[in-house]
Amino acid sequence: MKKNVLLGLTLLSTTCLAAEDQPATLSVAGRLFRPFSCTVSLSRPTVDLKNQVIGRIPKVETSPINTTSSVLVVANITGAGCKDYTNTSNYYARTALRFNGVADNNDSTVLANTASDDTAAKGIAVGLYTLEGVRFKINRNIPLSDGLFPFFIGMVKVNDTPSTGKVQSSLTVSVEHL
């Protein structure tokens, strides 16, 4: 009987040794690289909206494109990093343009008139429009369907009592990858 107990304890201790946790090792590798560049250029570096008659400037809420007070600008994106060659139906599906600027206090969708001296116009801002005449909001991404994005820029009224004077604004156009 002593032999059976001794043999049983020996088997039990061997079984306990075999049930210990076994570690696993995972190897991790990767590579960090600089993506291909993508550059935006504009067809003109400055826009002169010229002298406009205040009565012909559209209100911001209903402002269709006004060709008498708007100027056409074309944004062109170039570079190997602009296109997604895996999406053959739209190479630019993951690329957008962002139109950044100081928003007007009365309507945050348009550029503020940043002229601030005594000769500055009041109640006037600067709106952006697609080629089809639809106003689009600043400080938002505009998805692209190709490497060119023509747009109009023009003055808009942001209140019911605008006054004449100088209009000045600034717009930064940048490339965004979605």
Protein backbone atom coordinates (compact mmCIF):
# COMPACT_ATOMS: atom_id res chain seq x y z
CA MET A 1 0.00 0.00 0.00
CA LYS A 2 2.92 2.32 0.70
CA LYS A 3 4.12 1.75 -2.83
CA ASN A 4 0.73 2.74 -4.29
CA VAL A 5 0.60 5.98 -2.29
CA LEU A 6 4.19 6.84 -3.17
CA LEU A 7 3.58 6.05 -6.85
CA GLY A 8 0.34 8.11 -6.79
CA LEU A 9 2.10 11.15 -5.29
CA THR A 10 4.89 10.87 -7.84
CA LEU A 11 2.39 10.83 -10.72
CA LEU A 12 0.46 13.77 -9.23
CA SER A 13 3.59 15.91 -8.88
CA THR A 14 4.63 15.08 -12.46
CA THR A 15 1.17 16.10 -13.70
CA CYS A 16 1.39 19.43 -11.83
CA LEU A 17 4.75 20.21 -13.43
CA ALA A 18 3.35 19.55 -16.89
CA ALA A 19 0.38 21.94 -16.33
CA GLU A 20 2.50 25.12 -15.89
CA ASP A 21 1.74 28.16 -18.08
CA GLN A 22 3.84 28.45 -21.23
CA PRO A 23 4.67 31.93 -22.57
CA ALA A 24 4.31 32.91 -26.22
CA THR A 25 6.42 35.43 -28.09
CA LEU A 26 5.11 37.79 -30.77
CA SER A 27 7.54 39.53 -33.07
CA VAL A 28 6.43 42.98 -34.25
CA ALA A 29 7.90 44.77 -37.25
CA GLY A 30 6.90 47.83 -39.23
CA ARG A 31 8.19 50.75 -41.19
CA LEU A 32 7.48 54.44 -40.98
CA PHE A 33 7.69 56.46 -44.18
CA ARG A 34 6.94 59.94 -45.40
CA PRO A 35 3.88 59.91 -47.70
CA PHE A 36 4.14 61.29 -51.19
CA SER A 37 3.54 64.99 -51.30
CA CYS A 38 0.44 66.67 -52.62
CA THR A 39 0.47 70.38 -53.46
CA VAL A 40 -2.32 72.86 -54.10
CA SER A 41 -1.80 75.87 -56.33
CA LEU A 42 -4.22 78.66 -57.19
CA SER A 43 -4.74 80.21 -60.61
CA ARG A 44 -4.22 83.64 -59.06
CA PRO A 45 -2.42 84.69 -55.85
CA THR A 46 -4.71 87.66 -55.19
CA VAL A 47 -8.28 88.55 -56.09
CA ASP A 48 -9.48 92.09 -56.74
CA LEU A 49 -13.25 92.24 -56.30
CA LYS A 50 -13.13 95.77 -57.73
CA ASN A 51 -15.58 98.55 -56.89
CA GLN A 52 -19.12 97.21 -56.51
CA VAL A 53 -22.49 98.92 -56.13
CA ILE A 54 -23.79 98.01 -52.67
CA GLY A 55 -27.33 97.45 -53.98
CA ARG A 56 -26.09 94.68 -56.33
CA ILE A 57 -24.33 92.66 -53.65
CA PRO A 58 -26.45 89.56 -52.79
CA LYS A 59 -27.54 88.68 -49.26
CA VAL A 60 -25.64 85.77 -47.75
CA GLU A 61 -28.78 83.62 -47.17
CA THR A 62 -29.90 83.76 -50.78
CA SER A 63 -26.65 84.45 -52.53
CA PRO A 64 -26.55 82.69 -55.86
CA ILE A 65 -23.42 83.27 -57.87
CA ASN A 66 -23.22 86.87 -58.93
CA THR A 67 -20.90 87.05 -61.93
CA THR A 68 -20.78 90.84 -61.85
CA SER A 69 -19.19 90.86 -58.40
CA SER A 70 -17.48 87.43 -58.30
CA VAL A 71 -14.09 86.30 -59.57
CA LEU A 72 -13.21 82.80 -60.80
CA VAL A 73 -10.25 81.05 -59.14
CA VAL A 74 -9.06 77.51 -59.95
CA ALA A 75 -7.42 75.31 -57.31
CA ASN A 76 -5.17 72.67 -58.86
CA ILE A 77 -3.69 69.79 -56.88
CA THR A 78 -0.59 67.99 -58.09
CA GLY A 79 1.80 65.37 -56.77
CA ALA A 80 2.01 61.62 -56.40
CA GLY A 81 0.33 61.74 -52.99
CA CYS A 82 -2.91 63.23 -54.31
CA LYS A 83 -4.32 60.16 -56.02
CA ASP A 84 -5.60 56.88 -54.62
CA TYR A 85 -4.87 54.39 -57.39
CA THR A 86 -6.86 51.65 -55.64
CA ASN A 87 -10.11 53.51 -56.36
CA THR A 88 -10.28 53.48 -60.14
CA SER A 89 -13.72 55.10 -60.28
CA ASN A 90 -12.39 58.24 -58.54
CA TYR A 91 -8.65 58.61 -57.96
CA TYR A 92 -9.33 61.64 -55.75
CA ALA A 93 -11.94 59.99 -53.51
CA ARG A 94 -9.70 60.31 -50.46
CA THR A 95 -8.51 63.85 -51.15
CA ALA A 96 -10.29 67.07 -50.23
CA LEU A 97 -9.61 70.77 -50.22
CA ARG A 98 -10.08 72.85 -47.11
CA PHE A 99 -10.82 76.57 -47.41
CA ASN A 100 -9.71 78.20 -44.15
CA GLY A 101 -10.18 81.77 -43.05
CA VAL A 102 -11.55 84.06 -40.37
CA ALA A 103 -15.31 83.55 -40.22
CA ASP A 104 -17.72 86.49 -40.17
CA ASN A 105 -19.36 87.20 -36.79
CA ASN A 106 -22.88 87.33 -38.31
CA ASP A 107 -22.51 84.25 -40.51
CA SER A 108 -19.73 81.75 -39.81
CA THR A 109 -20.00 80.19 -43.29
CA VAL A 110 -18.35 83.16 -45.05
CA LEU A 111 -15.05 85.01 -44.74
CA ALA A 112 -15.06 88.08 -42.52
CA ASN A 113 -14.16 91.51 -43.80
CA THR A 114 -10.94 91.97 -41.85
CA ALA A 115 -10.48 95.62 -42.85
CA SER A 116 -10.88 97.44 -39.56
CA ASP A 117 -10.03 101.11 -40.02
CA ASP A 118 -12.52 103.96 -40.52
CA THR A 119 -12.71 103.24 -44.26
CA ALA A 120 -13.83 99.58 -43.84
CA ALA A 121 -17.19 98.42 -45.19
CA LYS A 122 -19.61 97.19 -42.54
CA GLY A 123 -22.07 94.31 -42.97
CA ILE A 124 -20.14 92.88 -45.94
CA ALA A 125 -18.31 89.52 -46.06
CA VAL A 126 -16.81 87.29 -48.75
CA GLY A 127 -18.56 84.14 -49.97
CA LEU A 128 -17.23 81.12 -51.89
CA TYR A 129 -19.21 79.36 -54.62
CA THR A 130 -18.87 76.21 -56.68
CA LEU A 131 -18.79 76.46 -60.45
CA GLU A 132 -22.52 75.64 -60.39
CA GLY A 133 -23.16 78.68 -58.21
CA VAL A 134 -23.77 76.91 -54.89
CA ARG A 135 -22.21 78.71 -51.93
CA PHE A 136 -20.04 76.44 -49.79
CA LYS A 137 -18.94 76.89 -46.20
CA ILE A 138 -15.46 77.89 -45.12
CA ASN A 139 -13.38 75.86 -42.64
CA ARG A 140 -14.80 72.57 -43.96
CA ASN A 141 -13.47 69.85 -46.27
CA ILE A 142 -14.70 69.84 -49.87
CA PRO A 143 -14.22 66.34 -51.40
CA LEU A 144 -12.75 66.25 -54.89
CA SER A 145 -13.70 64.31 -58.00
CA ASP A 146 -10.61 65.36 -59.96
CA GLY A 147 -7.46 67.44 -59.58
CA LEU A 148 -9.10 70.77 -60.44
CA PHE A 149 -11.58 72.69 -58.31
CA PRO A 150 -12.81 75.93 -59.88
CA PHE A 151 -14.66 78.27 -57.52
CA PHE A 152 -15.98 81.80 -57.43
CA ILE A 153 -15.29 84.32 -54.70
CA GLY A 154 -17.45 87.40 -54.18
CA MET A 155 -18.89 89.90 -51.71
CA VAL A 156 -22.11 89.16 -49.80
CA LYS A 157 -24.26 91.18 -47.38
CA VAL A 158 -24.40 89.74 -43.86
CA ASN A 159 -26.87 92.22 -42.39
CA ASP A 160 -29.67 94.53 -43.52
CA THR A 161 -27.72 97.77 -43.07
CA PRO A 162 -24.38 97.40 -44.86
CA SER A 163 -22.19 100.44 -45.39
CA THR A 164 -19.74 101.22 -48.14
CA GLY A 165 -16.00 100.97 -47.72
CA LYS A 166 -13.00 98.69 -48.14
CA VAL A 167 -13.30 94.91 -48.12
CA GLN A 168 -10.33 92.76 -47.24
CA SER A 169 -10.08 89.09 -46.39
CA SER A 170 -7.68 86.17 -46.47
CA LEU A 171 -8.18 82.57 -47.56
CA THR A 172 -5.86 79.59 -47.13
CA VAL A 173 -6.52 76.55 -49.32
CA SER A 174 -4.96 73.29 -48.14
CA VAL A 175 -5.06 69.61 -49.11
CA GLU A 176 -6.68 67.16 -46.71
CA HIS A 177 -6.42 63.37 -46.93
CA LEU A 178 -9.61 61.63 -45.85
